[in-house]
Amino acid sequence: MTTEAQTLTEKAVEAMRASVRTVRDDHRRRNRPLATWEDGKVVYRDADSGQTVREDSVPYVTKSKEN
């Protein structure tokens, strides 16, 4: 997707994909799991196989605004 007629959106998607590849490759080299967000939980996956390594069951909460 390296044409002169790339839209700004296409350029942004290409940059994001390149960044994800870089992070995945770095995690593979360092033998570190990748953290993802699934169903309101943080899930750690093996960078090579994609299998779940660990799930954090701490719920995501936000602070309420005080008036």
N, C-alpha and C. Protein backbone atom coordinates (compact mmCIF):
# COMPACT_ATOMS: atom_id res chain seq x y z
N MET A 1 0.83 -1.19 0.00
CA MET A 1 0.00 0.00 0.00
C MET A 1 0.88 1.25 0.00
N THR A 2 1.83 1.32 -0.89
CA THR A 2 2.73 2.47 -0.95
C THR A 2 2.53 3.23 -2.25
N THR A 3 1.31 3.69 -2.46
CA THR A 3 1.03 4.49 -3.65
C THR A 3 1.02 5.95 -3.28
N GLU A 4 1.10 6.79 -4.28
CA GLU A 4 1.09 8.23 -4.05
C GLU A 4 -0.29 8.72 -3.63
N ALA A 5 -1.33 7.95 -3.95
CA ALA A 5 -2.70 8.38 -3.68
C ALA A 5 -3.23 7.88 -2.34
N GLN A 6 -2.35 7.57 -1.40
CA GLN A 6 -2.79 7.11 -0.09
C GLN A 6 -3.52 8.22 0.65
N THR A 7 -4.62 7.86 1.27
CA THR A 7 -5.33 8.83 2.10
C THR A 7 -4.64 8.90 3.45
N LEU A 8 -4.99 9.90 4.21
CA LEU A 8 -4.43 10.05 5.56
C LEU A 8 -4.81 8.83 6.41
N THR A 9 -6.01 8.33 6.26
CA THR A 9 -6.45 7.15 7.01
C THR A 9 -5.61 5.94 6.65
N GLU A 10 -5.34 5.73 5.37
CA GLU A 10 -4.51 4.60 4.95
C GLU A 10 -3.09 4.71 5.50
N LYS A 11 -2.55 5.92 5.53
CA LYS A 11 -1.23 6.13 6.09
C LYS A 11 -1.22 5.83 7.59
N ALA A 12 -2.27 6.24 8.28
CA ALA A 12 -2.37 6.00 9.72
C ALA A 12 -2.48 4.51 10.01
N VAL A 13 -3.28 3.79 9.24
CA VAL A 13 -3.44 2.34 9.43
C VAL A 13 -2.12 1.63 9.16
N GLU A 14 -1.43 2.03 8.11
CA GLU A 14 -0.14 1.42 7.79
C GLU A 14 0.88 1.65 8.90
N ALA A 15 0.91 2.88 9.46
CA ALA A 15 1.82 3.19 10.56
C ALA A 15 1.47 2.39 11.80
N MET A 16 0.18 2.21 12.08
CA MET A 16 -0.24 1.44 13.25
C MET A 16 0.16 -0.03 13.10
N ARG A 17 -0.04 -0.58 11.92
CA ARG A 17 0.35 -1.98 11.68
C ARG A 17 1.86 -2.17 11.84
N ALA A 18 2.63 -1.22 11.34
CA ALA A 18 4.09 -1.30 11.48
C ALA A 18 4.49 -1.24 12.95
N SER A 19 3.81 -0.39 13.72
CA SER A 19 4.10 -0.29 15.15
C SER A 19 3.76 -1.57 15.89
N VAL A 20 2.64 -2.18 15.55
CA VAL A 20 2.24 -3.44 16.18
C VAL A 20 3.25 -4.53 15.86
N ARG A 21 3.71 -4.59 14.61
CA ARG A 21 4.74 -5.58 14.23
C ARG A 21 6.01 -5.38 15.04
N THR A 22 6.41 -4.11 15.21
CA THR A 22 7.62 -3.80 15.97
C THR A 22 7.48 -4.26 17.43
N VAL A 23 6.34 -3.97 18.04
CA VAL A 23 6.11 -4.36 19.43
C VAL A 23 6.07 -5.88 19.55
N ARG A 24 5.36 -6.55 18.64
CA ARG A 24 5.28 -8.01 18.68
C ARG A 24 6.67 -8.64 18.53
N ASP A 25 7.46 -8.14 17.60
CA ASP A 25 8.81 -8.67 17.40
C ASP A 25 9.68 -8.45 18.63
N ASP A 26 9.54 -7.28 19.26
CA ASP A 26 10.31 -6.98 20.47
C ASP A 26 9.91 -7.93 21.60
N HIS A 27 8.62 -8.19 21.75
CA HIS A 27 8.16 -9.12 22.79
C HIS A 27 8.65 -10.55 22.51
N ARG A 28 8.69 -10.92 21.26
CA ARG A 28 9.21 -12.25 20.90
C ARG A 28 10.68 -12.37 21.28
N ARG A 29 11.47 -11.36 20.94
CA ARG A 29 12.91 -11.38 21.25
C ARG A 29 13.16 -11.45 22.76
N ARG A 30 12.35 -10.73 23.52
CA ARG A 30 12.54 -10.67 24.97
C ARG A 30 11.78 -11.76 25.72
N ASN A 31 11.03 -12.59 24.98
CA ASN A 31 10.23 -13.67 25.57
C ASN A 31 9.24 -13.11 26.61
N ARG A 32 8.55 -12.05 26.22
CA ARG A 32 7.57 -11.39 27.08
C ARG A 32 6.17 -11.55 26.49
N PRO A 33 5.14 -11.71 27.31
CA PRO A 33 3.78 -11.81 26.79
C PRO A 33 3.26 -10.45 26.33
N LEU A 34 2.30 -10.49 25.42
CA LEU A 34 1.63 -9.27 24.94
C LEU A 34 0.37 -9.06 25.77
N ALA A 35 0.14 -7.85 26.24
CA ALA A 35 -1.08 -7.54 26.99
C ALA A 35 -2.14 -7.05 26.03
N THR A 36 -3.33 -7.65 26.11
CA THR A 36 -4.46 -7.24 25.29
C THR A 36 -5.66 -7.00 26.20
N TRP A 37 -6.68 -6.35 25.68
CA TRP A 37 -7.89 -6.05 26.42
C TRP A 37 -9.02 -6.84 25.79
N GLU A 38 -9.62 -7.77 26.56
CA GLU A 38 -10.71 -8.60 26.04
C GLU A 38 -11.80 -8.74 27.08
N ASP A 39 -13.03 -8.44 26.70
CA ASP A 39 -14.19 -8.60 27.57
C ASP A 39 -14.00 -7.90 28.91
N GLY A 40 -13.42 -6.71 28.91
CA GLY A 40 -13.24 -5.94 30.11
C GLY A 40 -12.12 -6.41 31.01
N LYS A 41 -11.24 -7.28 30.50
CA LYS A 41 -10.13 -7.79 31.29
C LYS A 41 -8.83 -7.67 30.52
N VAL A 42 -7.75 -7.56 31.26
CA VAL A 42 -6.42 -7.60 30.65
C VAL A 42 -6.05 -9.07 30.48
N VAL A 43 -5.65 -9.44 29.26
CA VAL A 43 -5.26 -10.81 28.95
C VAL A 43 -3.83 -10.77 28.40
N TYR A 44 -2.98 -11.61 28.96
CA TYR A 44 -1.60 -11.70 28.50
C TYR A 44 -1.47 -12.91 27.59
N ARG A 45 -0.98 -12.69 26.37
CA ARG A 45 -0.84 -13.76 25.39
C ARG A 45 0.61 -13.94 24.99
N ASP A 46 0.96 -15.19 24.72
CA ASP A 46 2.29 -15.50 24.22
C ASP A 46 2.48 -14.84 22.87
N ALA A 47 3.59 -14.16 22.65
CA ALA A 47 3.83 -13.42 21.41
C ALA A 47 3.97 -14.34 20.20
N ASP A 48 4.41 -15.58 20.41
CA ASP A 48 4.57 -16.52 19.29
C ASP A 48 3.29 -17.28 18.98
N SER A 49 2.70 -17.91 19.98
CA SER A 49 1.56 -18.80 19.73
C SER A 49 0.22 -18.10 19.85
N GLY A 50 0.15 -17.00 20.58
CA GLY A 50 -1.12 -16.32 20.78
C GLY A 50 -1.97 -16.94 21.88
N GLN A 51 -1.46 -17.98 22.53
CA GLN A 51 -2.22 -18.63 23.60
C GLN A 51 -2.21 -17.76 24.85
N THR A 52 -3.30 -17.85 25.61
CA THR A 52 -3.41 -17.08 26.84
C THR A 52 -2.41 -17.56 27.86
N VAL A 53 -1.68 -16.63 28.43
CA VAL A 53 -0.70 -16.92 29.47
C VAL A 53 -1.32 -16.65 30.83
N ARG A 54 -2.05 -15.53 30.94
CA ARG A 54 -2.63 -15.14 32.22
C ARG A 54 -3.76 -14.15 31.96
N GLU A 55 -4.78 -14.18 32.81
CA GLU A 55 -5.87 -13.20 32.76
C GLU A 55 -5.94 -12.50 34.10
N ASP A 56 -6.06 -11.18 34.06
CA ASP A 56 -6.27 -10.41 35.28
C ASP A 56 -7.76 -10.18 35.44
N SER A 57 -8.31 -10.59 36.56
CA SER A 57 -9.75 -10.49 36.76
C SER A 57 -10.17 -9.22 37.48
N VAL A 58 -9.26 -8.27 37.62
CA VAL A 58 -9.60 -7.01 38.27
C VAL A 58 -10.49 -6.22 37.32
N PRO A 59 -11.70 -5.84 37.76
CA PRO A 59 -12.60 -5.11 36.86
C PRO A 59 -12.12 -3.68 36.61
N TYR A 60 -12.43 -3.18 35.46
CA TYR A 60 -12.10 -1.82 35.09
C TYR A 60 -13.17 -0.89 35.65
N VAL A 61 -12.78 0.07 36.45
CA VAL A 61 -13.73 1.01 37.03
C VAL A 61 -13.24 2.43 36.79
N THR A 62 -14.16 3.36 36.78
CA THR A 62 -13.79 4.76 36.62
C THR A 62 -14.22 5.52 37.87
N LYS A 63 -13.53 6.60 38.13
CA LYS A 63 -13.90 7.45 39.26
C LYS A 63 -15.07 8.31 38.87
N SER A 64 -16.00 8.48 39.78
CA SER A 64 -17.13 9.37 39.50
C SER A 64 -16.72 10.80 39.78
N LYS A 65 -17.31 11.72 39.03
CA LYS A 65 -16.99 13.13 39.22
C LYS A 65 -17.77 13.68 40.40
N GLU A 66 -17.09 14.46 41.21
CA GLU A 66 -17.77 15.11 42.32
C GLU A 66 -18.13 16.52 41.90
N ASN A 67 -19.32 16.95 42.27
CA ASN A 67 -19.78 18.30 41.89
C ASN A 67 -19.34 19.33 42.85
